């Protein structure tokens, strides 16, 4: 059952997986706030949905996050579903990954989730009901070359999910992670174009770089991830907490 009229906050909600999640929640009669750093992208996304609110915020800034959550709660009421989707990855070998790049990867992919969770947890505990869904990655379950900082950060997100789920097990709050494989988003489309140009390969050959990891031989659709989040947010999933759910066509068991 959907939490009709309840407030969901989706970080990184202006595009890709976050946007698909926001659309599914809005269709499920949640009150939705999408958050991110790009005001124009957020507004374009919100204009395509009914009644969705935008909140410009950098999730790596703890004070800004607390202020943004307060503003969102003033508009739609306390956040009862938090989807920690904001994240990003840059590619380099371990030896060429600078300390600044490590800090950036951890700040965005891990500490962003920490800041947002800290900001909403008090209201969730007070109401005796809440859902936290962390969008991790198959990189949080296995290793990949040339993205060591991202892999480490996403493994930490999965660990955070499991630890917090146990701490909150009797509170009415569940904490879960979804772990998508390569997904059909603008990020992958851009990467395919870059690979094709730099390696003198066709777009189809470049795309195979990503689809080859999926036993189904395809990219995951953002809507498939959104459907999983919608279920984890439901009352029917009340006994499901602490899981890291792969959505990757069988790539990770």
Protein backbone atom coordinates (compact mmCIF):
# COMPACT_ATOMS: atom_id res chain seq x y z
CA UNK A 1 0.00 0.00 0.00
CA UNK A 2 1.30 3.44 -0.89
CA UNK A 3 1.64 6.02 1.86
CA UNK A 4 -0.90 8.33 0.24
CA UNK A 5 -0.05 11.98 0.86
CA UNK A 6 3.14 11.18 2.76
CA UNK A 7 6.35 13.06 2.01
CA UNK A 8 9.21 11.51 0.04
CA UNK A 9 12.55 13.22 -0.52
CA UNK A 10 14.64 12.01 -3.46
CA UNK A 11 18.18 13.34 -3.77
CA UNK A 12 19.69 13.52 -7.24
CA UNK A 13 16.08 13.62 -8.41
CA UNK A 14 16.53 15.76 -11.49
CA UNK A 15 17.53 13.04 -13.94
CA UNK A 16 18.20 9.36 -14.50
CA UNK A 17 17.41 6.91 -11.74
CA UNK A 18 16.36 9.62 -9.28
CA UNK A 19 13.88 11.10 -11.74
CA UNK A 20 12.37 7.69 -12.46
CA UNK A 21 11.96 7.10 -8.72
CA UNK A 22 10.35 10.51 -8.24
CA UNK A 23 7.88 9.86 -11.06
CA UNK A 24 6.92 6.47 -9.62
CA UNK A 25 6.37 7.97 -6.17
CA UNK A 26 4.33 10.88 -7.52
CA UNK A 27 2.19 8.42 -9.48
CA UNK A 28 1.81 6.46 -6.23
CA UNK A 29 0.32 9.56 -4.57
CA UNK A 30 3.32 10.48 -2.47
CA UNK A 31 4.14 14.14 -1.92
CA UNK A 32 7.56 14.36 -3.56
CA UNK A 33 10.49 16.71 -3.14
CA UNK A 34 13.36 16.28 -5.58
CA UNK A 35 16.72 17.65 -4.48
CA UNK A 36 19.95 18.38 -6.30
CA UNK A 37 22.53 21.01 -7.17
CA UNK A 38 21.21 22.06 -10.59
CA UNK A 39 18.19 24.34 -10.24
CA UNK A 40 17.30 24.32 -13.93
CA UNK A 41 17.48 20.53 -14.24
CA UNK A 42 15.32 20.12 -11.13
CA UNK A 43 12.70 22.54 -12.41
CA UNK A 44 12.55 20.86 -15.82
CA UNK A 45 12.02 17.53 -14.09
CA UNK A 46 9.35 18.92 -11.75
CA UNK A 47 7.49 20.53 -14.66
CA UNK A 48 7.01 17.07 -16.15
CA UNK A 49 5.22 15.87 -12.99
CA UNK A 50 2.28 17.11 -10.98
CA UNK A 51 2.81 18.75 -7.60
CA UNK A 52 6.47 17.87 -7.21
CA UNK A 53 8.55 20.34 -5.20
CA UNK A 54 12.21 21.15 -5.89
CA UNK A 55 14.97 21.84 -3.39
CA UNK A 56 18.41 23.05 -4.45
CA UNK A 57 21.05 21.62 -2.13
CA UNK A 58 24.54 20.14 -2.14
CA UNK A 59 24.29 16.93 -0.13
CA UNK A 60 27.97 17.13 0.83
CA UNK A 61 27.19 20.21 2.97
CA UNK A 62 25.68 19.02 6.26
CA UNK A 63 24.32 22.40 7.33
CA UNK A 64 22.76 23.02 3.92
CA UNK A 65 21.13 19.60 4.03
CA UNK A 66 19.53 20.28 7.41
CA UNK A 67 18.20 23.62 6.17
CA UNK A 68 16.86 22.01 2.99
CA UNK A 69 15.08 19.25 4.89
CA UNK A 70 13.51 21.82 7.19
CA UNK A 71 12.27 23.81 4.19
CA UNK A 72 10.89 20.68 2.55
CA UNK A 73 9.14 19.64 5.76
CA UNK A 74 7.55 23.07 6.05
CA UNK A 75 6.01 22.59 2.61
CA UNK A 76 4.95 18.93 2.68
CA UNK A 77 5.35 17.79 6.28
CA UNK A 78 8.11 15.63 7.80
CA UNK A 79 10.00 13.37 5.40
CA UNK A 80 8.80 9.80 5.82
CA UNK A 81 10.68 8.32 2.87
CA UNK A 82 14.25 9.29 2.09
CA UNK A 83 15.80 8.06 -1.13
CA UNK A 84 19.55 8.70 -1.04
CA UNK A 85 20.21 8.68 -4.77
CA UNK A 86 22.73 11.52 -5.22
CA UNK A 87 26.09 10.21 -6.35
CA UNK A 88 28.72 10.26 -9.02
CA UNK A 89 31.77 8.48 -10.38
CA UNK A 90 34.99 9.41 -12.14
CA UNK A 91 37.30 6.86 -13.71
CA UNK A 92 41.02 6.52 -13.09
CA UNK A 93 43.45 3.85 -11.97
CA UNK A 94 44.09 3.63 -8.24
CA UNK A 95 47.55 5.17 -8.66
CA UNK A 96 46.14 8.11 -10.61
CA UNK A 97 43.24 8.76 -8.23
CA UNK A 98 44.21 11.81 -6.18
CA UNK A 99 43.42 12.29 -2.53
CA UNK A 100 41.05 15.07 -3.55
CA UNK A 101 39.20 12.63 -5.81
CA UNK A 102 38.96 10.16 -2.95
CA UNK A 103 37.50 12.81 -0.66
CA UNK A 104 35.04 13.88 -3.33
CA UNK A 105 33.87 10.32 -3.95
CA UNK A 106 33.36 9.65 -0.25
CA UNK A 107 31.74 13.02 0.43
CA UNK A 108 29.22 12.65 -2.38
CA UNK A 109 28.42 8.94 -2.38
CA UNK A 110 28.71 8.17 1.34
CA UNK A 111 28.60 11.31 3.45
CA UNK A 112 25.76 12.77 1.38
CA UNK A 113 23.64 9.80 2.48
CA UNK A 114 24.85 10.24 6.06
CA UNK A 115 23.94 13.94 6.14
CA UNK A 116 20.48 13.39 4.67
CA UNK A 117 19.74 10.46 6.96
CA UNK A 118 20.75 12.41 10.03
CA UNK A 119 18.49 15.27 8.94
CA UNK A 120 15.32 13.15 8.63
CA UNK A 121 15.81 10.51 11.29
CA UNK A 122 14.44 12.47 14.25
CA UNK A 123 11.05 13.04 12.62
CA UNK A 124 10.85 9.43 11.47
CA UNK A 125 11.52 8.14 14.98
CA UNK A 126 8.98 10.56 16.44
CA UNK A 127 6.28 9.28 14.09
CA UNK A 128 7.21 5.62 14.53
CA UNK A 129 7.33 5.05 10.77
CA UNK A 130 9.91 5.68 8.09
CA UNK A 131 11.66 4.32 5.05
CA UNK A 132 15.25 4.95 3.99
CA UNK A 133 16.37 3.58 0.63
CA UNK A 134 19.99 4.04 -0.39
CA UNK A 135 20.73 3.81 -4.10
CA UNK A 136 24.06 2.00 -4.03
CA UNK A 137 25.32 0.02 -7.02
CA UNK A 138 26.62 -3.40 -7.93
CA UNK A 139 29.90 -1.59 -7.18
CA UNK A 140 28.80 -1.82 -3.55
CA UNK A 141 28.79 -5.61 -3.82
CA UNK A 142 31.72 -6.45 -6.09
CA UNK A 143 34.87 -4.74 -7.35
CA UNK A 144 35.43 -2.94 -10.64
CA UNK A 145 38.67 -1.71 -12.19
CA UNK A 146 39.51 2.00 -12.43
CA UNK A 147 36.81 3.21 -10.03
CA UNK A 148 38.34 2.23 -6.69
CA UNK A 149 37.10 5.32 -4.82
CA UNK A 150 33.54 4.83 -6.08
CA UNK A 151 33.62 1.11 -5.24
CA UNK A 152 34.89 1.83 -1.74
CA UNK A 153 32.22 4.49 -1.18
CA UNK A 154 29.38 2.27 -2.39
CA UNK A 155 30.60 -0.65 -0.27
CA UNK A 156 30.46 1.77 2.66
CA UNK A 157 26.88 2.72 1.75
CA UNK A 158 25.89 -0.96 1.84
CA UNK A 159 27.62 -1.34 5.21
CA UNK A 160 25.85 1.75 6.54
CA UNK A 161 22.53 0.30 5.35
CA UNK A 162 23.04 -2.94 7.24
CA UNK A 163 24.26 -1.29 10.46
CA UNK A 164 21.51 1.32 10.57
CA UNK A 165 18.83 -1.27 9.81
CA UNK A 166 19.81 -3.16 12.95
CA UNK A 167 19.89 -0.02 15.09
CA UNK A 168 16.40 0.95 13.93
CA UNK A 169 14.84 -2.51 13.73
CA UNK A 170 12.29 -1.85 16.49
CA UNK A 171 11.53 1.74 15.56
CA UNK A 172 9.15 1.22 12.63
CA UNK A 173 11.85 2.47 10.25
CA UNK A 174 13.39 0.24 7.59
CA UNK A 175 16.71 0.86 5.86
CA UNK A 176 17.51 -0.85 2.58
CA UNK A 177 19.74 -0.44 -0.45
CA UNK A 178 19.13 -1.08 -4.12
CA UNK A 179 22.18 -1.95 -6.20
CA UNK A 180 21.65 -1.30 -9.90
CA UNK A 181 23.98 -2.54 -12.60
CA UNK A 182 24.67 -0.42 -15.66
CA UNK A 183 21.46 1.54 -16.26
CA UNK A 184 20.02 3.26 -19.32
CA UNK A 185 20.64 6.87 -18.28
CA UNK A 186 22.24 9.98 -19.74
CA UNK A 187 25.49 9.05 -18.00
CA UNK A 188 25.78 5.76 -19.87
CA UNK A 189 24.69 7.35 -23.14
CA UNK A 190 27.47 9.93 -22.78
CA UNK A 191 29.99 7.23 -21.90
CA UNK A 192 29.01 5.21 -24.97
CA UNK A 193 29.56 8.26 -27.18
CA UNK A 194 32.95 8.95 -25.59
CA UNK A 195 34.12 5.35 -25.94
CA UNK A 196 32.98 5.15 -29.55
CA UNK A 197 34.86 8.32 -30.50
CA UNK A 198 38.03 7.55 -28.58
CA UNK A 199 38.32 3.92 -29.75
CA UNK A 200 37.01 4.29 -33.30
CA UNK A 201 34.24 1.80 -32.60
CA UNK A 202 30.55 1.89 -33.48
CA UNK A 203 28.00 2.95 -30.90
CA UNK A 204 26.75 -0.64 -30.77
CA UNK A 205 30.25 -1.92 -30.02
CA UNK A 206 30.76 0.73 -27.37
CA UNK A 207 27.42 -0.10 -25.75
CA UNK A 208 28.48 -3.75 -25.55
CA UNK A 209 31.17 -2.65 -23.10
CA UNK A 210 28.35 -2.13 -20.60
CA UNK A 211 25.76 -4.72 -21.59
CA UNK A 212 28.34 -7.52 -21.55
CA UNK A 213 28.38 -7.46 -17.73
CA UNK A 214 24.64 -8.19 -17.58
CA UNK A 215 23.70 -11.84 -18.22
CA UNK A 216 20.48 -10.58 -19.81
CA UNK A 217 22.61 -8.68 -22.31
CA UNK A 218 21.01 -5.30 -21.78
CA UNK A 219 21.03 -2.14 -19.68
CA UNK A 220 18.74 -1.95 -16.67
CA UNK A 221 15.79 0.41 -17.14
CA UNK A 222 15.48 3.20 -14.54
CA UNK A 223 11.81 2.28 -14.10
CA UNK A 224 12.83 -1.18 -12.87
CA UNK A 225 14.81 0.41 -10.06
CA UNK A 226 11.94 2.77 -9.29
CA UNK A 227 9.53 -0.16 -8.95
CA UNK A 228 11.83 -1.80 -6.39
CA UNK A 229 12.06 1.43 -4.39
CA UNK A 230 8.29 1.83 -4.47
CA UNK A 231 7.85 -1.64 -2.99
CA UNK A 232 10.50 -1.11 -0.30
CA UNK A 233 8.63 2.07 0.68
CA UNK A 234 5.33 0.26 1.09
CA UNK A 235 3.69 -1.05 4.25
CA UNK A 236 3.89 -4.55 2.78
CA UNK A 237 7.71 -4.39 2.98
CA UNK A 238 7.74 -3.66 6.72
CA UNK A 239 9.66 -6.86 7.49
CA UNK A 240 12.31 -6.15 4.87
CA UNK A 241 15.26 -4.22 6.26
CA UNK A 242 19.01 -4.33 5.91
CA UNK A 243 19.06 -5.79 2.41
CA UNK A 244 21.18 -4.76 -0.58
CA UNK A 245 19.01 -5.70 -3.54
CA UNK A 246 20.86 -6.24 -6.84
CA UNK A 247 18.97 -5.01 -9.91
CA UNK A 248 21.39 -6.18 -12.54
CA UNK A 249 19.96 -9.01 -14.63
CA UNK A 250 21.79 -11.71 -12.68
CA UNK A 251 25.25 -10.10 -12.72
CA UNK A 252 25.38 -10.30 -8.91
CA UNK A 253 23.56 -13.02 -7.00
